[in-house]
């Protein structure tokens, strides 16, 4: 959340998030034992409570590591998902791309 909001840049060129993105930390899909939560809980997190899943879900984080867990969960649910490898590290380093801080 602190990276998404822009409170912490994580050492990246710009702080914040990709416009239109939602914050879904990796912990939001994991149970206390470190395993994935039940499918209904995963669907709630990954579809933001929408009645229909989005046509495509693109998952990213700071560098693409933690987003792989969300990607796996999305694919497990049968969602059309893509992982933005390089993630916000790539995006924030490209000044022509917009960044939104939530502060």
N, C-alpha and C. Protein backbone atom coordinates (compact mmCIF):
# COMPACT_ATOMS: atom_id res chain seq x y z
N UNK A 1 0.80 -1.23 0.00
CA UNK A 1 0.00 0.00 0.00
C UNK A 1 0.83 1.28 0.00
N UNK A 2 1.97 1.28 0.70
CA UNK A 2 2.78 2.50 0.75
C UNK A 2 3.41 2.81 -0.60
N UNK A 3 3.71 1.79 -1.40
CA UNK A 3 4.24 2.03 -2.74
C UNK A 3 3.12 2.49 -3.67
N UNK A 4 1.98 1.84 -3.59
CA UNK A 4 0.84 2.19 -4.43
C UNK A 4 0.40 3.63 -4.20
N UNK A 5 0.37 4.04 -2.94
CA UNK A 5 -0.08 5.39 -2.61
C UNK A 5 0.93 6.47 -2.99
N UNK A 6 2.18 6.07 -3.13
CA UNK A 6 3.23 7.05 -3.41
C UNK A 6 3.93 7.52 -2.16
N UNK A 7 3.53 7.01 -0.99
CA UNK A 7 4.17 7.40 0.26
C UNK A 7 5.63 6.95 0.29
N UNK A 8 5.93 5.87 -0.43
CA UNK A 8 7.29 5.34 -0.50
C UNK A 8 7.59 5.03 -1.96
N UNK A 9 8.64 5.60 -2.49
CA UNK A 9 8.97 5.36 -3.90
C UNK A 9 9.67 4.03 -4.11
N UNK A 10 10.12 3.40 -3.03
CA UNK A 10 10.85 2.14 -3.15
C UNK A 10 12.15 2.29 -3.92
N UNK A 11 12.65 3.51 -3.98
CA UNK A 11 13.89 3.77 -4.71
C UNK A 11 13.70 3.88 -6.22
N UNK A 12 12.45 3.91 -6.66
CA UNK A 12 12.17 4.02 -8.09
C UNK A 12 12.11 5.49 -8.50
N UNK A 13 12.24 5.77 -9.80
CA UNK A 13 12.29 7.17 -10.27
C UNK A 13 11.08 8.01 -9.87
N UNK A 14 9.88 7.43 -9.89
CA UNK A 14 8.68 8.16 -9.51
C UNK A 14 7.84 7.30 -8.58
N UNK A 15 7.08 7.94 -7.71
CA UNK A 15 6.25 7.23 -6.74
C UNK A 15 4.79 7.25 -7.16
N UNK A 16 4.07 6.20 -6.82
CA UNK A 16 2.64 6.14 -7.11
C UNK A 16 2.28 4.84 -7.81
N UNK A 17 1.30 4.93 -8.72
CA UNK A 17 0.84 3.73 -9.43
C UNK A 17 0.38 4.07 -10.85
N UNK A 18 0.17 3.04 -11.62
CA UNK A 18 -0.31 3.19 -12.99
C UNK A 18 -1.77 3.65 -12.93
N UNK A 19 -2.16 4.68 -13.68
CA UNK A 19 -3.55 5.16 -13.65
C UNK A 19 -4.54 4.02 -13.94
N UNK A 20 -5.59 3.98 -13.13
CA UNK A 20 -6.62 2.96 -13.28
C UNK A 20 -6.35 1.68 -12.51
N UNK A 21 -5.15 1.58 -11.92
CA UNK A 21 -4.79 0.38 -11.16
C UNK A 21 -5.52 0.34 -9.82
N UNK A 22 -5.70 -0.86 -9.30
CA UNK A 22 -6.24 -1.07 -7.96
C UNK A 22 -5.15 -1.68 -7.10
N UNK A 23 -5.17 -1.41 -5.83
CA UNK A 23 -4.19 -1.96 -4.91
C UNK A 23 -4.69 -3.29 -4.36
N UNK A 24 -3.97 -4.36 -4.64
CA UNK A 24 -4.28 -5.70 -4.12
C UNK A 24 -2.97 -6.32 -3.66
N UNK A 25 -2.57 -6.06 -2.44
CA UNK A 25 -1.30 -6.61 -1.95
C UNK A 25 -1.29 -8.13 -1.98
N UNK A 26 -0.12 -8.70 -2.12
CA UNK A 26 0.01 -10.15 -2.19
C UNK A 26 -0.62 -10.82 -0.97
N UNK A 27 -0.52 -10.20 0.19
CA UNK A 27 -1.11 -10.77 1.40
C UNK A 27 -2.63 -10.91 1.31
N UNK A 28 -3.26 -10.15 0.43
CA UNK A 28 -4.72 -10.20 0.32
C UNK A 28 -5.22 -11.50 -0.30
N UNK A 29 -4.34 -12.29 -0.90
CA UNK A 29 -4.75 -13.57 -1.49
C UNK A 29 -4.19 -14.77 -0.72
N UNK A 30 -3.47 -14.50 0.36
CA UNK A 30 -2.86 -15.58 1.13
C UNK A 30 -3.52 -15.74 2.50
N UNK A 31 -3.74 -16.99 2.89
CA UNK A 31 -4.25 -17.30 4.22
C UNK A 31 -3.09 -17.21 5.22
N UNK A 32 -3.40 -17.33 6.50
CA UNK A 32 -2.37 -17.25 7.53
C UNK A 32 -1.30 -18.32 7.39
N UNK A 33 -1.65 -19.47 6.80
CA UNK A 33 -0.69 -20.55 6.63
C UNK A 33 0.18 -20.39 5.39
N UNK A 34 0.00 -19.27 4.66
CA UNK A 34 0.80 -18.99 3.47
C UNK A 34 0.26 -19.59 2.19
N UNK A 35 -0.84 -20.34 2.29
CA UNK A 35 -1.46 -20.93 1.11
C UNK A 35 -2.51 -19.97 0.56
N UNK A 36 -2.92 -20.20 -0.68
CA UNK A 36 -3.96 -19.36 -1.27
C UNK A 36 -5.25 -19.46 -0.49
N UNK A 37 -5.95 -18.36 -0.39
CA UNK A 37 -7.28 -18.35 0.22
C UNK A 37 -8.25 -19.14 -0.65
N UNK A 38 -9.43 -19.46 -0.14
CA UNK A 38 -10.43 -20.15 -0.96
C UNK A 38 -10.80 -19.34 -2.20
N UNK A 39 -11.26 -20.04 -3.23
CA UNK A 39 -11.56 -19.43 -4.52
C UNK A 39 -12.49 -18.22 -4.41
N UNK A 40 -13.51 -18.30 -3.57
CA UNK A 40 -14.46 -17.19 -3.43
C UNK A 40 -13.75 -15.93 -2.92
N UNK A 41 -12.84 -16.10 -1.99
CA UNK A 41 -12.08 -14.95 -1.47
C UNK A 41 -11.15 -14.39 -2.52
N UNK A 42 -10.50 -15.28 -3.27
CA UNK A 42 -9.60 -14.84 -4.35
C UNK A 42 -10.37 -14.04 -5.39
N UNK A 43 -11.54 -14.55 -5.76
CA UNK A 43 -12.36 -13.87 -6.77
C UNK A 43 -12.76 -12.48 -6.28
N UNK A 44 -13.10 -12.35 -5.01
CA UNK A 44 -13.48 -11.05 -4.44
C UNK A 44 -12.33 -10.05 -4.57
N UNK A 45 -11.12 -10.49 -4.25
CA UNK A 45 -9.94 -9.62 -4.33
C UNK A 45 -9.63 -9.25 -5.77
N UNK A 46 -9.63 -10.25 -6.65
CA UNK A 46 -9.15 -10.04 -8.01
C UNK A 46 -10.18 -9.44 -8.96
N UNK A 47 -11.43 -9.46 -8.61
CA UNK A 47 -12.45 -8.85 -9.47
C UNK A 47 -13.05 -7.60 -8.83
N UNK A 48 -12.53 -7.21 -7.68
CA UNK A 48 -12.97 -5.99 -6.98
C UNK A 48 -14.47 -5.99 -6.71
N UNK A 49 -15.03 -7.17 -6.50
CA UNK A 49 -16.45 -7.26 -6.18
C UNK A 49 -17.37 -7.03 -7.36
N UNK A 50 -16.82 -6.96 -8.58
CA UNK A 50 -17.66 -6.78 -9.76
C UNK A 50 -18.48 -8.04 -9.99
N UNK A 51 -19.63 -7.91 -10.62
CA UNK A 51 -20.44 -9.09 -10.93
C UNK A 51 -19.80 -9.91 -12.04
N UNK A 52 -19.03 -9.26 -12.91
CA UNK A 52 -18.31 -9.95 -13.97
C UNK A 52 -16.82 -9.64 -13.86
N UNK A 53 -16.03 -10.63 -14.17
CA UNK A 53 -14.58 -10.41 -14.17
C UNK A 53 -14.21 -9.54 -15.37
N UNK A 54 -13.18 -8.71 -15.23
CA UNK A 54 -12.73 -7.92 -16.38
C UNK A 54 -12.25 -8.84 -17.50
N UNK A 55 -12.31 -8.36 -18.73
CA UNK A 55 -11.87 -9.16 -19.88
C UNK A 55 -10.41 -9.56 -19.74
N UNK A 56 -9.59 -8.68 -19.19
CA UNK A 56 -8.17 -8.95 -19.01
C UNK A 56 -7.70 -8.28 -17.73
N UNK A 57 -6.96 -9.01 -16.93
CA UNK A 57 -6.38 -8.47 -15.71
C UNK A 57 -4.87 -8.45 -15.89
N UNK A 58 -4.27 -7.28 -15.71
CA UNK A 58 -2.81 -7.15 -15.79
C UNK A 58 -2.31 -6.90 -14.37
N UNK A 59 -1.40 -7.75 -13.94
CA UNK A 59 -0.90 -7.67 -12.57
C UNK A 59 0.53 -7.15 -12.57
N UNK A 60 0.80 -6.27 -11.61
CA UNK A 60 2.15 -5.73 -11.49
C UNK A 60 2.42 -5.38 -10.04
N UNK A 61 3.68 -5.19 -9.71
CA UNK A 61 4.09 -4.72 -8.40
C UNK A 61 5.29 -3.80 -8.62
N UNK A 62 6.24 -3.79 -7.73
CA UNK A 62 7.41 -2.94 -7.93
C UNK A 62 8.31 -3.49 -9.05
N UNK A 63 8.64 -4.79 -8.97
CA UNK A 63 9.54 -5.37 -9.96
C UNK A 63 8.96 -6.59 -10.67
N UNK A 64 7.81 -7.07 -10.25
CA UNK A 64 7.17 -8.22 -10.88
C UNK A 64 7.24 -9.49 -10.08
N UNK A 65 7.89 -9.47 -8.92
CA UNK A 65 8.03 -10.70 -8.13
C UNK A 65 6.76 -11.03 -7.35
N UNK A 66 6.26 -10.12 -6.53
CA UNK A 66 5.08 -10.42 -5.73
C UNK A 66 3.84 -10.56 -6.60
N UNK A 67 3.80 -9.88 -7.72
CA UNK A 67 2.64 -9.98 -8.62
C UNK A 67 2.49 -11.37 -9.20
N UNK A 68 3.55 -12.18 -9.17
CA UNK A 68 3.43 -13.54 -9.70
C UNK A 68 2.45 -14.37 -8.88
N UNK A 69 2.35 -14.11 -7.59
CA UNK A 69 1.38 -14.83 -6.75
C UNK A 69 -0.04 -14.45 -7.17
N UNK A 70 -0.28 -13.17 -7.41
CA UNK A 70 -1.60 -12.71 -7.86
C UNK A 70 -1.90 -13.26 -9.26
N UNK A 71 -0.89 -13.31 -10.10
CA UNK A 71 -1.05 -13.88 -11.43
C UNK A 71 -1.47 -15.35 -11.33
N UNK A 72 -0.79 -16.10 -10.50
CA UNK A 72 -1.11 -17.51 -10.31
C UNK A 72 -2.55 -17.65 -9.82
N UNK A 73 -2.95 -16.82 -8.84
CA UNK A 73 -4.31 -16.88 -8.31
C UNK A 73 -5.34 -16.55 -9.39
N UNK A 74 -5.05 -15.56 -10.21
CA UNK A 74 -5.97 -15.18 -11.28
C UNK A 74 -6.12 -16.32 -12.29
N UNK A 75 -5.02 -16.92 -12.68
CA UNK A 75 -5.08 -18.04 -13.62
C UNK A 75 -5.78 -19.25 -13.01
N UNK A 76 -5.56 -19.48 -11.73
CA UNK A 76 -6.23 -20.56 -11.00
C UNK A 76 -7.75 -20.40 -11.09
N UNK A 77 -8.21 -19.14 -11.04
CA UNK A 77 -9.64 -18.85 -11.13
C UNK A 77 -10.16 -18.86 -12.56
N UNK A 78 -9.26 -19.00 -13.52
CA UNK A 78 -9.66 -19.01 -14.92
C UNK A 78 -9.76 -17.63 -15.54
N UNK A 79 -9.24 -16.62 -14.86
CA UNK A 79 -9.26 -15.26 -15.39
C UNK A 79 -8.21 -15.11 -16.49
N UNK A 80 -8.50 -14.25 -17.45
CA UNK A 80 -7.50 -13.89 -18.45
C UNK A 80 -6.55 -12.91 -17.78
N UNK A 81 -5.33 -13.33 -17.57
CA UNK A 81 -4.38 -12.51 -16.82
C UNK A 81 -3.04 -12.44 -17.53
N UNK A 82 -2.38 -11.32 -17.30
CA UNK A 82 -1.03 -11.11 -17.80
C UNK A 82 -0.20 -10.53 -16.66
N UNK A 83 1.08 -10.84 -16.67
CA UNK A 83 2.01 -10.30 -15.69
C UNK A 83 2.87 -9.25 -16.37
N UNK A 84 2.91 -8.07 -15.81
CA UNK A 84 3.78 -7.01 -16.34
C UNK A 84 5.15 -7.21 -15.72
N UNK A 85 5.99 -7.96 -16.40
CA UNK A 85 7.35 -8.21 -15.93
C UNK A 85 8.13 -6.91 -15.98
N UNK A 86 8.80 -6.59 -14.92
CA UNK A 86 9.49 -5.30 -14.82
C UNK A 86 8.63 -4.30 -14.07
N UNK A 87 7.33 -4.45 -14.20
CA UNK A 87 6.32 -3.74 -13.43
C UNK A 87 6.60 -2.25 -13.25
N UNK A 88 6.38 -1.74 -12.04
CA UNK A 88 6.47 -0.30 -11.84
C UNK A 88 7.90 0.21 -11.96
N UNK A 89 8.86 -0.66 -11.79
CA UNK A 89 10.25 -0.24 -12.01
C UNK A 89 10.42 0.23 -13.45
N UNK A 90 9.87 -0.51 -14.38
CA UNK A 90 9.92 -0.13 -15.79
C UNK A 90 9.06 1.11 -16.04
N UNK A 91 7.81 1.08 -15.60
CA UNK A 91 6.85 2.15 -15.87
C UNK A 91 7.33 3.49 -15.31
N UNK A 92 7.78 3.50 -14.06
CA UNK A 92 8.16 4.77 -13.42
C UNK A 92 9.41 5.38 -14.05
N UNK A 93 10.21 4.56 -14.71
CA UNK A 93 11.42 5.06 -15.35
C UNK A 93 11.17 5.62 -16.74
N UNK A 94 9.93 5.58 -17.19
CA UNK A 94 9.59 6.10 -18.51
C UNK A 94 8.76 7.37 -18.34
N UNK A 95 9.38 8.55 -18.42
CA UNK A 95 8.70 9.81 -18.11
C UNK A 95 7.50 10.11 -18.99
N UNK A 96 7.38 9.48 -20.15
CA UNK A 96 6.23 9.73 -21.03
C UNK A 96 4.96 9.01 -20.55
N UNK A 97 5.11 8.10 -19.58
CA UNK A 97 3.97 7.36 -19.06
C UNK A 97 3.44 8.02 -17.79
N UNK A 98 2.12 8.13 -17.64
CA UNK A 98 1.55 8.81 -16.48
C UNK A 98 1.65 7.97 -15.20
N UNK A 99 1.78 8.66 -14.08
CA UNK A 99 1.82 8.05 -12.76
C UNK A 99 0.84 8.81 -11.88
N UNK A 100 0.07 8.07 -11.10
CA UNK A 100 -0.86 8.69 -10.16
C UNK A 100 -0.47 8.36 -8.73
N UNK A 101 -0.15 9.36 -7.93
CA UNK A 101 -0.01 9.11 -6.51
C UNK A 101 -1.39 9.20 -5.85
N UNK A 102 -1.60 8.45 -4.79
CA UNK A 102 -2.89 8.48 -4.09
C UNK A 102 -2.86 9.39 -2.88
N UNK A 103 -1.76 10.10 -2.69
CA UNK A 103 -1.64 10.94 -1.49
C UNK A 103 -2.64 12.06 -1.48
